[in-house]
Amino acid sequence: MKLGVMMALLSQKPLEEALDYVAEAGLEMVEFATGGYGGKPHCDPDVLLNDDAALENLQKALKDRNLGISSLSCHGNPLHPQSKIAEKDDEDYRKTVLLAEKLGIDVVNCFSGCPGDSKGSRYPNWVTCPWPPDFLEILEWQWNEKVIPYWKKASSFAKEHGVNLGFEMHPGFVVYNPETLLKLRNECGDNIGSNFDPSHLFWQGIDPIAAIKELGKASAIYHTHAKDTRVDEMNVSVNGVLDTKHYGDELNRAWIFRTVGYGHDAAFWKDFVSILRTVGYDGVISIEHEDSLMSVDEGFKKAVAFLKALLLTEPAGEMWWA
């Protein structure tokens, strides 16, 4: 396994300064944001697909620091009911796939997106319960009319260019747990898998270890994120886990994102990397920082130190004792 970082957290730094920062921390891989909600601060497909010199400069900057690219990440909503938003996110997605092919990268991370509830919608509608029956009608319409038709074409496009899709299972979008991810994979292509981020599973009450086992059976894990979540049991006991309060209201929220080790201890994260290897994933663990209680610098450095101590970096070797 190799340790990497989602570079969006360093978006305020120029490319070479950000790469120096990562290399000095002893990391081996980077994950570039290339559109959608994360922007494209260091890796703009509009530039790199049309400027060979810029592409060579990026590759040289990485090589000079012994860094590789684990994936390109385009986290948008190409199913958005407002066509201008959907078309822009779809354009970013397709350019990201083309850039991944050009760079020799076989994984693009993304969101599934979420449509509205009808042709006349202006905003996404995430269905979370089956009653009143309107909700099941919405869900059926979304999948049959929007989700499956779009991702069948989009995953086919990715496959033509040698790219697998790592979906982040994220509430608010139609793929938010292993069941919905595998549904999309079964309907739209086996190059659809997971960018496995446990932080969004913790607060839903999902055991990430069990989820890895389930997805591992289908060989459906293409990339992973290292991000933690702290669930406030006292607040949950009163109002449950569904929480629309701002992320900055840390004292009153049911849960908040944390740097790895500050939501779950080393025992969990040792199990996390071990079960990944058990199901056949020996790739990159990419740090994502969204901890509102720590600066980017402190959160990143603590995550690096924490994960370096427990990552499995050498091949397992033969079982000489068995």
C-alpha atoms as a PDB file:
ATOM      1  CA  MET A   1       0.000   0.000   0.000  1.00  0.00           C
ATOM      2  CA  LYS A   2       1.051   3.581  -0.632  1.00  0.00           C
ATOM      3  CA  LEU A   3       0.107   6.763   1.183  1.00  0.00           C
ATOM      4  CA  GLY A   4      -1.298   9.672  -0.815  1.00  0.00           C
ATOM      5  CA  VAL A   5      -3.342  12.827  -0.434  1.00  0.00           C
ATOM      6  CA  MET A   6      -6.346  14.471  -2.045  1.00  0.00           C
ATOM      7  CA  MET A   7      -4.698  17.688  -3.293  1.00  0.00           C
ATOM      8  CA  ALA A   8      -7.834  19.833  -3.000  1.00  0.00           C
ATOM      9  CA  LEU A   9      -6.844  20.510   0.613  1.00  0.00           C
ATOM     10  CA  LEU A  10      -3.757  22.328  -0.715  1.00  0.00           C
ATOM     11  CA  SER A  11      -5.640  24.371  -3.309  1.00  0.00           C
ATOM     12  CA  GLN A  12      -4.308  27.644  -1.887  1.00  0.00           C
ATOM     13  CA  LYS A  13      -0.735  26.639  -2.713  1.00  0.00           C
ATOM     14  CA  PRO A  14       0.749  26.813  -6.244  1.00  0.00           C
ATOM     15  CA  LEU A  15       1.364  23.403  -7.812  1.00  0.00           C
ATOM     16  CA  GLU A  16       5.093  23.047  -7.190  1.00  0.00           C
ATOM     17  CA  GLU A  17       4.858  24.410  -3.647  1.00  0.00           C
ATOM     18  CA  ALA A  18       2.041  21.963  -2.905  1.00  0.00           C
ATOM     19  CA  LEU A  19       4.024  19.054  -4.359  1.00  0.00           C
ATOM     20  CA  ASP A  20       7.086  20.032  -2.306  1.00  0.00           C
ATOM     21  CA  TYR A  21       4.916  20.034   0.818  1.00  0.00           C
ATOM     22  CA  VAL A  22       3.585  16.544   0.037  1.00  0.00           C
ATOM     23  CA  ALA A  23       6.994  15.105  -0.884  1.00  0.00           C
ATOM     24  CA  GLU A  24       8.609  16.516   2.267  1.00  0.00           C
ATOM     25  CA  ALA A  25       5.942  14.715   4.307  1.00  0.00           C
ATOM     26  CA  GLY A  26       7.122  11.434   2.794  1.00  0.00           C
ATOM     27  CA  LEU A  27       4.064  10.650   0.683  1.00  0.00           C
ATOM     28  CA  GLU A  28       4.268   8.755  -2.593  1.00  0.00           C
ATOM     29  CA  MET A  29       1.019   9.593  -4.405  1.00  0.00           C
ATOM     30  CA  VAL A  30      -1.314  12.489  -5.122  1.00  0.00           C
ATOM     31  CA  GLU A  31      -4.963  12.641  -6.151  1.00  0.00           C
ATOM     32  CA  PHE A  32      -5.813  15.677  -8.259  1.00  0.00           C
ATOM     33  CA  ALA A  33      -9.190  17.435  -8.344  1.00  0.00           C
ATOM     34  CA  THR A  34     -10.191  18.090 -11.939  1.00  0.00           C
ATOM     35  CA  GLY A  35     -13.664  19.626 -11.750  1.00  0.00           C
ATOM     36  CA  GLY A  36     -16.993  19.699  -9.958  1.00  0.00           C
ATOM     37  CA  TYR A  37     -17.264  20.820  -6.349  1.00  0.00           C
ATOM     38  CA  GLY A  38     -13.510  20.489  -5.753  1.00  0.00           C
ATOM     39  CA  GLY A  39     -12.527  22.739  -8.654  1.00  0.00           C
ATOM     40  CA  LYS A  40      -9.310  22.120 -10.587  1.00  0.00           C
ATOM     41  CA  PRO A  41      -6.613  24.138  -8.815  1.00  0.00           C
ATOM     42  CA  HIS A  42      -3.551  22.086  -9.833  1.00  0.00           C
ATOM     43  CA  CYS A  43      -4.728  19.937 -12.728  1.00  0.00           C
ATOM     44  CA  ASP A  44      -7.014  21.622 -15.253  1.00  0.00           C
ATOM     45  CA  PRO A  45      -8.097  19.307 -18.093  1.00  0.00           C
ATOM     46  CA  ASP A  46      -8.943  22.321 -20.280  1.00  0.00           C
ATOM     47  CA  VAL A  47      -5.269  23.275 -20.178  1.00  0.00           C
ATOM     48  CA  LEU A  48      -3.570  19.883 -20.045  1.00  0.00           C
ATOM     49  CA  LEU A  49      -5.546  18.333 -22.893  1.00  0.00           C
ATOM     50  CA  ASN A  50      -4.563  21.159 -25.211  1.00  0.00           C
ATOM     51  CA  ASP A  51      -1.060  22.141 -24.114  1.00  0.00           C
ATOM     52  CA  ASP A  52       1.611  19.444 -24.367  1.00  0.00           C
ATOM     53  CA  ALA A  53       4.186  21.667 -22.678  1.00  0.00           C
ATOM     54  CA  ALA A  54       1.923  22.151 -19.645  1.00  0.00           C
ATOM     55  CA  LEU A  55       1.337  18.402 -19.472  1.00  0.00           C
ATOM     56  CA  GLU A  56       5.078  17.701 -19.626  1.00  0.00           C
ATOM     57  CA  ASN A  57       5.699  20.288 -16.897  1.00  0.00           C
ATOM     58  CA  LEU A  58       3.183  18.565 -14.627  1.00  0.00           C
ATOM     59  CA  GLN A  59       4.728  15.153 -15.263  1.00  0.00           C
ATOM     60  CA  LYS A  60       8.235  16.496 -14.665  1.00  0.00           C
ATOM     61  CA  ALA A  61       7.196  18.212 -11.435  1.00  0.00           C
ATOM     62  CA  LEU A  62       5.855  14.881 -10.171  1.00  0.00           C
ATOM     63  CA  LYS A  63       8.840  12.842 -11.356  1.00  0.00           C
ATOM     64  CA  ASP A  64      11.330  15.251  -9.801  1.00  0.00           C
ATOM     65  CA  ARG A  65       9.694  14.592  -6.428  1.00  0.00           C
ATOM     66  CA  ASN A  66       9.181  10.837  -6.888  1.00  0.00           C
ATOM     67  CA  LEU A  67       5.404  11.279  -6.788  1.00  0.00           C
ATOM     68  CA  GLY A  68       2.775   9.405  -8.762  1.00  0.00           C
ATOM     69  CA  ILE A  69      -0.910  10.082  -9.423  1.00  0.00           C
ATOM     70  CA  SER A  70      -3.352   7.673  -7.773  1.00  0.00           C
ATOM     71  CA  SER A  71      -6.458   9.069  -9.473  1.00  0.00           C
ATOM     72  CA  LEU A  72      -8.187  12.110 -10.888  1.00  0.00           C
ATOM     73  CA  SER A  73     -11.258  13.266  -8.970  1.00  0.00           C
ATOM     74  CA  CYS A  74     -14.211  14.962 -10.587  1.00  0.00           C
ATOM     75  CA  HIS A  75     -16.894  15.301  -7.924  1.00  0.00           C
ATOM     76  CA  GLY A  76     -19.923  16.948  -9.514  1.00  0.00           C
ATOM     77  CA  ASN A  77     -23.595  16.237 -10.160  1.00  0.00           C
ATOM     78  CA  PRO A  78     -24.078  15.425 -13.842  1.00  0.00           C
ATOM     79  CA  LEU A  79     -27.683  14.435 -13.023  1.00  0.00           C
ATOM     80  CA  HIS A  80     -28.597  17.861 -11.659  1.00  0.00           C
ATOM     81  CA  PRO A  81     -32.080  18.931 -12.822  1.00  0.00           C
ATOM     82  CA  GLN A  82     -30.750  22.334 -13.916  1.00  0.00           C
ATOM     83  CA  SER A  83     -29.295  21.620 -17.333  1.00  0.00           C
ATOM     84  CA  LYS A  84     -26.510  24.223 -17.107  1.00  0.00           C
ATOM     85  CA  ILE A  85     -25.127  22.576 -13.984  1.00  0.00           C
ATOM     86  CA  ALA A  86     -25.549  19.033 -15.299  1.00  0.00           C
ATOM     87  CA  GLU A  87     -23.942  19.832 -18.652  1.00  0.00           C
ATOM     88  CA  LYS A  88     -20.962  21.544 -17.030  1.00  0.00           C
ATOM     89  CA  ASP A  89     -20.388  18.638 -14.634  1.00  0.00           C
ATOM     90  CA  ASP A  90     -20.760  16.119 -17.464  1.00  0.00           C
ATOM     91  CA  GLU A  91     -18.235  18.091 -19.528  1.00  0.00           C
ATOM     92  CA  ASP A  92     -15.781  18.111 -16.601  1.00  0.00           C
ATOM     93  CA  TYR A  93     -16.285  14.374 -16.170  1.00  0.00           C
ATOM     94  CA  ARG A  94     -15.612  13.539 -19.820  1.00  0.00           C
ATOM     95  CA  LYS A  95     -12.532  15.747 -19.976  1.00  0.00           C
ATOM     96  CA  THR A  96     -11.271  14.132 -16.780  1.00  0.00           C
ATOM     97  CA  VAL A  97     -11.616  10.671 -18.340  1.00  0.00           C
ATOM     98  CA  LEU A  98      -9.701  11.830 -21.424  1.00  0.00           C
ATOM     99  CA  LEU A  99      -6.957  13.342 -19.267  1.00  0.00           C
ATOM    100  CA  ALA A 100      -6.713  10.165 -17.185  1.00  0.00           C
ATOM    101  CA  GLU A 101      -6.166   8.188 -20.381  1.00  0.00           C
ATOM    102  CA  LYS A 102      -3.501  10.639 -21.510  1.00  0.00           C
ATOM    103  CA  LEU A 103      -1.704  10.398 -18.171  1.00  0.00           C
ATOM    104  CA  GLY A 104      -1.978   6.603 -18.025  1.00  0.00           C
ATOM    105  CA  ILE A 105      -4.216   6.662 -14.920  1.00  0.00           C
ATOM    106  CA  ASP A 106      -6.905   3.997 -14.693  1.00  0.00           C
ATOM    107  CA  VAL A 107      -9.180   5.469 -11.988  1.00  0.00           C
ATOM    108  CA  VAL A 108     -11.419   8.531 -11.977  1.00  0.00           C
ATOM    109  CA  ASN A 109     -13.231   9.243  -8.713  1.00  0.00           C
ATOM    110  CA  CYS A 110     -16.680  10.810  -8.807  1.00  0.00           C
ATOM    111  CA  PHE A 111     -20.144  11.129  -7.296  1.00  0.00           C
ATOM    112  CA  SER A 112     -23.181   9.389  -8.739  1.00  0.00           C
ATOM    113  CA  GLY A 113     -25.146  12.636  -8.630  1.00  0.00           C
ATOM    114  CA  CYS A 114     -28.825  13.035  -7.850  1.00  0.00           C
ATOM    115  CA  PRO A 115     -31.692  14.132 -10.131  1.00  0.00           C
ATOM    116  CA  GLY A 116     -34.815  16.027  -9.176  1.00  0.00           C
ATOM    117  CA  ASP A 117     -38.181  14.375  -8.690  1.00  0.00           C
ATOM    118  CA  SER A 118     -39.665  15.135 -12.122  1.00  0.00           C
ATOM    119  CA  LYS A 119     -38.990  16.809 -15.457  1.00  0.00           C
ATOM    120  CA  GLY A 120     -39.862  20.211 -14.001  1.00  0.00           C
ATOM    121  CA  SER A 121     -37.530  20.059 -10.987  1.00  0.00           C
ATOM    122  CA  ARG A 122     -34.939  22.707 -10.232  1.00  0.00           C
ATOM    123  CA  TYR A 123     -33.121  21.010  -7.353  1.00  0.00           C
ATOM    124  CA  PRO A 124     -31.988  17.450  -6.516  1.00  0.00           C
ATOM    125  CA  ASN A 125     -34.300  15.282  -4.434  1.00  0.00           C
ATOM    126  CA  TRP A 126     -32.590  12.621  -2.311  1.00  0.00           C
ATOM    127  CA  VAL A 127     -35.113   9.961  -1.307  1.00  0.00           C
ATOM    128  CA  THR A 128     -34.489   8.407   2.120  1.00  0.00           C
ATOM    129  CA  CYS A 129     -37.755   6.612   2.992  1.00  0.00           C
ATOM    130  CA  PRO A 130     -40.428   4.568   1.177  1.00  0.00           C
ATOM    131  CA  TRP A 131     -43.571   6.267   2.519  1.00  0.00           C
ATOM    132  CA  PRO A 132     -45.713   8.165   1.647  1.00  0.00           C
ATOM    133  CA  PRO A 133     -45.703   6.215  -1.657  1.00  0.00           C
ATOM    134  CA  ASP A 134     -44.758   9.345  -3.614  1.00  0.00           C
ATOM    135  CA  PHE A 135     -41.159   8.708  -2.598  1.00  0.00           C
ATOM    136  CA  LEU A 136     -40.985   5.261  -4.190  1.00  0.00           C
ATOM    137  CA  GLU A 137     -42.473   6.724  -7.371  1.00  0.00           C
ATOM    138  CA  ILE A 138     -39.769   9.412  -7.343  1.00  0.00           C
ATOM    139  CA  LEU A 139     -37.044   6.813  -6.770  1.00  0.00           C
ATOM    140  CA  GLU A 140     -38.260   4.628  -9.640  1.00  0.00           C
ATOM    141  CA  TRP A 141     -38.432   7.629 -11.974  1.00  0.00           C
ATOM    142  CA  GLN A 142     -34.951   8.800 -10.974  1.00  0.00           C
ATOM    143  CA  TRP A 143     -33.262   5.449 -11.600  1.00  0.00           C
ATOM    144  CA  ASN A 144     -35.147   4.453 -14.746  1.00  0.00           C
ATOM    145  CA  GLU A 145     -35.299   7.838 -16.450  1.00  0.00           C
ATOM    146  CA  LYS A 146     -32.096   9.544 -15.298  1.00  0.00           C
ATOM    147  CA  VAL A 147     -29.548   7.492 -13.332  1.00  0.00           C
ATOM    148  CA  ILE A 148     -29.297   4.299 -15.409  1.00  0.00           C
ATOM    149  CA  PRO A 149     -29.486   5.959 -18.861  1.00  0.00           C
ATOM    150  CA  TYR A 150     -26.813   8.519 -17.974  1.00  0.00           C
ATOM    151  CA  TRP A 151     -24.333   6.171 -16.278  1.00  0.00           C
ATOM    152  CA  LYS A 152     -24.680   3.446 -18.898  1.00  0.00           C
ATOM    153  CA  LYS A 153     -23.356   5.903 -21.464  1.00  0.00           C
ATOM    154  CA  ALA A 154     -20.868   7.542 -19.102  1.00  0.00           C
ATOM    155  CA  SER A 155     -19.357   4.265 -17.882  1.00  0.00           C
ATOM    156  CA  SER A 156     -19.144   2.973 -21.455  1.00  0.00           C
ATOM    157  CA  PHE A 157     -17.261   6.142 -22.386  1.00  0.00           C
ATOM    158  CA  ALA A 158     -14.847   5.565 -19.494  1.00  0.00           C
ATOM    159  CA  LYS A 159     -14.319   1.923 -20.454  1.00  0.00           C
ATOM    160  CA  GLU A 160     -13.496   2.918 -24.039  1.00  0.00           C
ATOM    161  CA  HIS A 161     -10.654   4.996 -22.608  1.00  0.00           C
ATOM    162  CA  GLY A 162      -9.386   2.372 -20.150  1.00  0.00           C
ATOM    163  CA  VAL A 163     -10.789   4.046 -17.047  1.00  0.00           C
ATOM    164  CA  ASN A 164     -12.542   2.616 -13.979  1.00  0.00           C
ATOM    165  CA  LEU A 165     -14.903   4.817 -11.967  1.00  0.00           C
ATOM    166  CA  GLY A 166     -14.514   5.079  -8.193  1.00  0.00           C
ATOM    167  CA  PHE A 167     -17.819   6.296  -6.776  1.00  0.00           C
ATOM    168  CA  GLU A 168     -17.741   7.915  -3.377  1.00  0.00           C
ATOM    169  CA  MET A 169     -20.769   6.621  -1.464  1.00  0.00           C
ATOM    170  CA  HIS A 170     -22.123   9.969  -0.314  1.00  0.00           C
ATOM    171  CA  PRO A 171     -25.509  10.804   1.209  1.00  0.00           C
ATOM    172  CA  GLY A 172     -27.384  13.329  -0.890  1.00  0.00           C
ATOM    173  CA  PHE A 173     -26.642  11.332  -4.039  1.00  0.00           C
ATOM    174  CA  VAL A 174     -28.274   8.160  -5.377  1.00  0.00           C
ATOM    175  CA  VAL A 175     -25.191   6.063  -4.532  1.00  0.00           C
ATOM    176  CA  TYR A 176     -24.671   6.358  -0.782  1.00  0.00           C
ATOM    177  CA  ASN A 177     -24.079   2.788   0.450  1.00  0.00           C
ATOM    178  CA  PRO A 178     -22.838  -0.578  -0.874  1.00  0.00           C
ATOM    179  CA  GLU A 179     -26.318  -1.659  -1.980  1.00  0.00           C
ATOM    180  CA  THR A 180     -26.869   1.382  -4.195  1.00  0.00           C
ATOM    181  CA  LEU A 181     -23.312   1.204  -5.528  1.00  0.00           C
ATOM    182  CA  LEU A 182     -23.694  -2.444  -6.523  1.00  0.00           C
ATOM    183  CA  LYS A 183     -27.084  -1.671  -8.065  1.00  0.00           C
ATOM    184  CA  LEU A 184     -25.476   0.946 -10.294  1.00  0.00           C
ATOM    185  CA  ARG A 185     -22.585  -1.409 -11.116  1.00  0.00           C
ATOM    186  CA  ASN A 186     -24.961  -4.219 -12.061  1.00  0.00           C
ATOM    187  CA  GLU A 187     -27.038  -1.938 -14.257  1.00  0.00           C
ATOM    188  CA  CYS A 188     -24.316   0.137 -15.891  1.00  0.00           C
ATOM    189  CA  GLY A 189     -21.006  -1.734 -16.075  1.00  0.00           C
ATOM    190  CA  ASP A 190     -18.326  -3.521 -14.081  1.00  0.00           C
ATOM    191  CA  ASN A 191     -15.890  -0.626 -14.434  1.00  0.00           C
ATOM    192  CA  ILE A 192     -18.078   1.069 -11.816  1.00  0.00           C
ATOM    193  CA  GLY A 193     -16.740   0.533  -8.306  1.00  0.00           C
ATOM    194  CA  SER A 194     -15.975   2.406  -5.122  1.00  0.00           C
ATOM    195  CA  ASN A 195     -13.689   5.167  -4.019  1.00  0.00           C
ATOM    196  CA  PHE A 196     -14.064   3.833  -0.499  1.00  0.00           C
ATOM    197  CA  ASP A 197     -14.399   6.662   2.021  1.00  0.00           C
ATOM    198  CA  PRO A 198     -15.485   5.420   5.462  1.00  0.00           C
ATOM    199  CA  SER A 199     -16.337   8.880   6.788  1.00  0.00           C
ATOM    200  CA  HIS A 200     -19.733   8.969   5.070  1.00  0.00           C
ATOM    201  CA  LEU A 201     -20.560   5.457   6.211  1.00  0.00           C
ATOM    202  CA  PHE A 202     -19.831   5.919   9.916  1.00  0.00           C
ATOM    203  CA  TRP A 203     -22.664   8.353  10.545  1.00  0.00           C
ATOM    204  CA  GLN A 204     -25.162   6.263   8.576  1.00  0.00           C
ATOM    205  CA  GLY A 205     -24.579   3.394  11.005  1.00  0.00           C
ATOM    206  CA  ILE A 206     -22.687   1.325   8.420  1.00  0.00           C
ATOM    207  CA  ASP A 207     -19.704  -0.730   9.540  1.00  0.00           C
ATOM    208  CA  PRO A 208     -16.948   0.093   7.007  1.00  0.00           C
ATOM    209  CA  ILE A 209     -15.265  -3.263   7.591  1.00  0.00           C
ATOM    210  CA  ALA A 210     -18.453  -5.137   6.662  1.00  0.00           C
ATOM    211  CA  ALA A 211     -18.932  -2.798   3.685  1.00  0.00           C
ATOM    212  CA  ILE A 212     -15.408  -3.518   2.421  1.00  0.00           C
ATOM    213  CA  LYS A 213     -16.090  -7.254   2.647  1.00  0.00           C
ATOM    214  CA  GLU A 214     -19.311  -6.849   0.653  1.00  0.00           C
ATOM    215  CA  LEU A 215     -17.725  -4.737  -2.079  1.00  0.00           C
ATOM    216  CA  GLY A 216     -14.623  -6.926  -2.065  1.00  0.00           C
ATOM    217  CA  LYS A 217     -16.715  -9.930  -3.110  1.00  0.00           C
ATOM    218  CA  ALA A 218     -17.454  -8.077  -6.342  1.00  0.00           C
ATOM    219  CA  SER A 219     -13.879  -6.731  -6.709  1.00  0.00           C
ATOM    220  CA  ALA A 220     -15.507  -3.299  -6.622  1.00  0.00           C
ATOM    221  CA  ILE A 221     -12.960  -1.179  -4.722  1.00  0.00           C
ATOM    222  CA  TYR A 222     -10.794   0.949  -7.009  1.00  0.00           C
ATOM    223  CA  HIS A 223      -9.475   3.632  -4.639  1.00  0.00           C
ATOM    224  CA  THR A 224      -9.718   4.622  -0.974  1.00  0.00           C
ATOM    225  CA  HIS A 225      -9.872   7.775   1.125  1.00  0.00           C
ATOM    226  CA  ALA A 226      -8.650   8.188   4.683  1.00  0.00           C
ATOM    227  CA  LYS A 227     -11.105  10.462   6.454  1.00  0.00           C
ATOM    228  CA  ASP A 228     -12.714   9.980   9.844  1.00  0.00           C
ATOM    229  CA  THR A 229     -16.005  10.943  11.484  1.00  0.00           C
ATOM    230  CA  ARG A 230     -16.787  11.542  15.133  1.00  0.00           C
ATOM    231  CA  VAL A 231     -20.371  10.671  16.112  1.00  0.00           C
ATOM    232  CA  ASP A 232     -21.669  12.576  19.145  1.00  0.00           C
ATOM    233  CA  GLU A 233     -23.734   9.902  20.885  1.00  0.00           C
ATOM    234  CA  MET A 234     -25.422  12.397  23.221  1.00  0.00           C
ATOM    235  CA  ASN A 235     -26.723  14.532  20.337  1.00  0.00           C
ATOM    236  CA  VAL A 236     -27.667  11.435  18.340  1.00  0.00           C
ATOM    237  CA  SER A 237     -29.641  10.066  21.282  1.00  0.00           C
ATOM    238  CA  VAL A 238     -31.853  13.145  21.101  1.00  0.00           C
ATOM    239  CA  ASN A 239     -32.195  13.866  17.372  1.00  0.00           C
ATOM    240  CA  GLY A 240     -30.714  10.937  15.440  1.00  0.00           C
ATOM    241  CA  VAL A 241     -28.042  11.066  12.764  1.00  0.00           C
ATOM    242  CA  LEU A 242     -29.833  13.107  10.090  1.00  0.00           C
ATOM    243  CA  ASP A 243     -28.483  16.595  10.664  1.00  0.00           C
ATOM    244  CA  THR A 244     -28.810  19.743   8.561  1.00  0.00           C
ATOM    245  CA  LYS A 245     -26.978  22.057  10.941  1.00  0.00           C
ATOM    246  CA  HIS A 246     -23.909  23.770   9.492  1.00  0.00           C
ATOM    247  CA  TYR A 247     -20.655  21.837   9.769  1.00  0.00           C
ATOM    248  CA  GLY A 248     -19.311  24.699  11.862  1.00  0.00           C
ATOM    249  CA  ASP A 249     -21.843  24.006  14.640  1.00  0.00           C
ATOM    250  CA  GLU A 250     -19.590  21.298  16.057  1.00  0.00           C
ATOM    251  CA  LEU A 251     -21.009  21.381  19.581  1.00  0.00           C
ATOM    252  CA  ASN A 252     -24.582  20.639  18.534  1.00  0.00           C
ATOM    253  CA  ARG A 253     -24.201  18.464  15.458  1.00  0.00           C
ATOM    254  CA  ALA A 254     -24.842  14.710  15.529  1.00  0.00           C
ATOM    255  CA  TRP A 255     -21.480  14.118  13.850  1.00  0.00           C
ATOM    256  CA  ILE A 256     -18.544  15.961  12.340  1.00  0.00           C
ATOM    257  CA  PHE A 257     -15.680  14.987  10.048  1.00  0.00           C
ATOM    258  CA  ARG A 258     -12.355  14.430  11.781  1.00  0.00           C
ATOM    259  CA  THR A 259      -8.755  13.708  10.922  1.00  0.00           C
ATOM    260  CA  VAL A 260      -8.033   9.968  11.032  1.00  0.00           C
ATOM    261  CA  GLY A 261      -7.555   8.805  14.603  1.00  0.00           C
ATOM    262  CA  TYR A 262      -9.815  11.491  16.070  1.00  0.00           C
ATOM    263  CA  GLY A 263     -13.075   9.709  15.283  1.00  0.00           C
ATOM    264  CA  HIS A 264     -11.941   6.098  15.541  1.00  0.00           C
ATOM    265  CA  ASP A 265      -8.824   4.693  17.145  1.00  0.00           C
ATOM    266  CA  ALA A 266      -5.829   2.895  15.678  1.00  0.00           C
ATOM    267  CA  ALA A 267      -7.496  -0.480  16.198  1.00  0.00           C
ATOM    268  CA  PHE A 268     -10.196   0.425  13.663  1.00  0.00           C
ATOM    269  CA  TRP A 269      -7.739   1.794  11.120  1.00  0.00           C
ATOM    270  CA  LYS A 270      -5.515  -1.282  11.467  1.00  0.00           C
ATOM    271  CA  ASP A 271      -8.576  -3.396  10.699  1.00  0.00           C
ATOM    272  CA  PHE A 272      -9.382  -1.047   7.811  1.00  0.00           C
ATOM    273  CA  VAL A 273      -6.067  -1.495   5.987  1.00  0.00           C
ATOM    274  CA  SER A 274      -5.986  -5.206   6.835  1.00  0.00           C
ATOM    275  CA  ILE A 275      -9.423  -5.992   5.427  1.00  0.00           C
ATOM    276  CA  LEU A 276      -8.614  -3.980   2.303  1.00  0.00           C
ATOM    277  CA  ARG A 277      -5.617  -6.230   1.699  1.00  0.00           C
ATOM    278  CA  THR A 278      -7.704  -9.298   2.536  1.00  0.00           C
ATOM    279  CA  VAL A 279     -10.209  -8.517  -0.251  1.00  0.00           C
ATOM    280  CA  GLY A 280      -7.411  -7.799  -2.720  1.00  0.00           C
ATOM    281  CA  TYR A 281      -6.978  -4.027  -2.521  1.00  0.00           C
ATOM    282  CA  ASP A 282      -3.341  -3.098  -2.032  1.00  0.00           C
ATOM    283  CA  GLY A 283      -3.445   0.336  -3.614  1.00  0.00           C
ATOM    284  CA  VAL A 284      -3.332   3.919  -2.397  1.00  0.00           C
ATOM    285  CA  ILE A 285      -4.777   5.264   0.860  1.00  0.00           C
ATOM    286  CA  SER A 286      -5.461   8.921   0.049  1.00  0.00           C
ATOM    287  CA  ILE A 287      -5.755  11.398   2.921  1.00  0.00           C
ATOM    288  CA  GLU A 288      -8.707  13.781   2.715  1.00  0.00           C
ATOM    289  CA  HIS A 289      -8.817  16.614   5.243  1.00  0.00           C
ATOM    290  CA  GLU A 290     -12.180  18.138   6.221  1.00  0.00           C
ATOM    291  CA  ASP A 291     -11.659  18.547   9.968  1.00  0.00           C
ATOM    292  CA  SER A 292     -13.126  21.838  11.181  1.00  0.00           C
ATOM    293  CA  LEU A 293     -11.278  21.606  14.503  1.00  0.00           C
ATOM    294  CA  MET A 294      -7.796  21.525  12.948  1.00  0.00           C
ATOM    295  CA  SER A 295      -5.863  23.607  10.480  1.00  0.00           C
ATOM    296  CA  VAL A 296      -5.044  21.941   7.184  1.00  0.00           C
ATOM    297  CA  ASP A 297      -1.380  21.752   8.165  1.00  0.00           C
ATOM    298  CA  GLU A 298      -1.975  20.173  11.557  1.00  0.00           C
ATOM    299  CA  GLY A 299      -4.671  17.798  10.312  1.00  0.00           C
ATOM    300  CA  PHE A 300      -2.557  16.661   7.375  1.00  0.00           C
ATOM    301  CA  LYS A 301       0.596  16.106   9.433  1.00  0.00           C
ATOM    302  CA  LYS A 302      -1.263  14.206  12.152  1.00  0.00           C
ATOM    303  CA  ALA A 303      -2.936  12.018   9.516  1.00  0.00           C
ATOM    304  CA  VAL A 304       0.399  11.254   7.867  1.00  0.00           C
ATOM    305  CA  ALA A 305       2.066  10.300  11.163  1.00  0.00           C
ATOM    306  CA  PHE A 306      -0.915   8.200  12.237  1.00  0.00           C
ATOM    307  CA  LEU A 307      -1.260   6.285   8.963  1.00  0.00           C
ATOM    308  CA  LYS A 308       2.458   5.706   8.401  1.00  0.00           C
ATOM    309  CA  ALA A 309       2.556   3.762  11.645  1.00  0.00           C
ATOM    310  CA  LEU A 310      -0.107   1.275  10.574  1.00  0.00           C
ATOM    311  CA  LEU A 311      -0.043   1.082   6.763  1.00  0.00           C
ATOM    312  CA  LEU A 312       0.906  -2.276   5.233  1.00  0.00           C
ATOM    313  CA  THR A 313       3.696  -1.381   2.823  1.00  0.00           C
ATOM    314  CA  GLU A 314       5.438  -4.684   2.065  1.00  0.00           C
ATOM    315  CA  PRO A 315       4.041  -7.744   0.248  1.00  0.00           C
ATOM    316  CA  ALA A 316       2.639 -10.289   2.686  1.00  0.00           C
ATOM    317  CA  GLY A 317       4.988 -13.050   1.533  1.00  0.00           C
ATOM    318  CA  GLU A 318       4.484 -16.783   1.947  1.00  0.00           C
ATOM    319  CA  MET A 319       2.815 -18.368   4.966  1.00  0.00           C
ATOM    320  CA  TRP A 320       5.923 -20.225   6.128  1.00  0.00           C
ATOM    321  CA  TRP A 321       4.095 -21.433   9.221  1.00  0.00           C
ATOM    322  CA  ALA A 322       1.141 -23.026   7.395  1.00  0.00           C
END
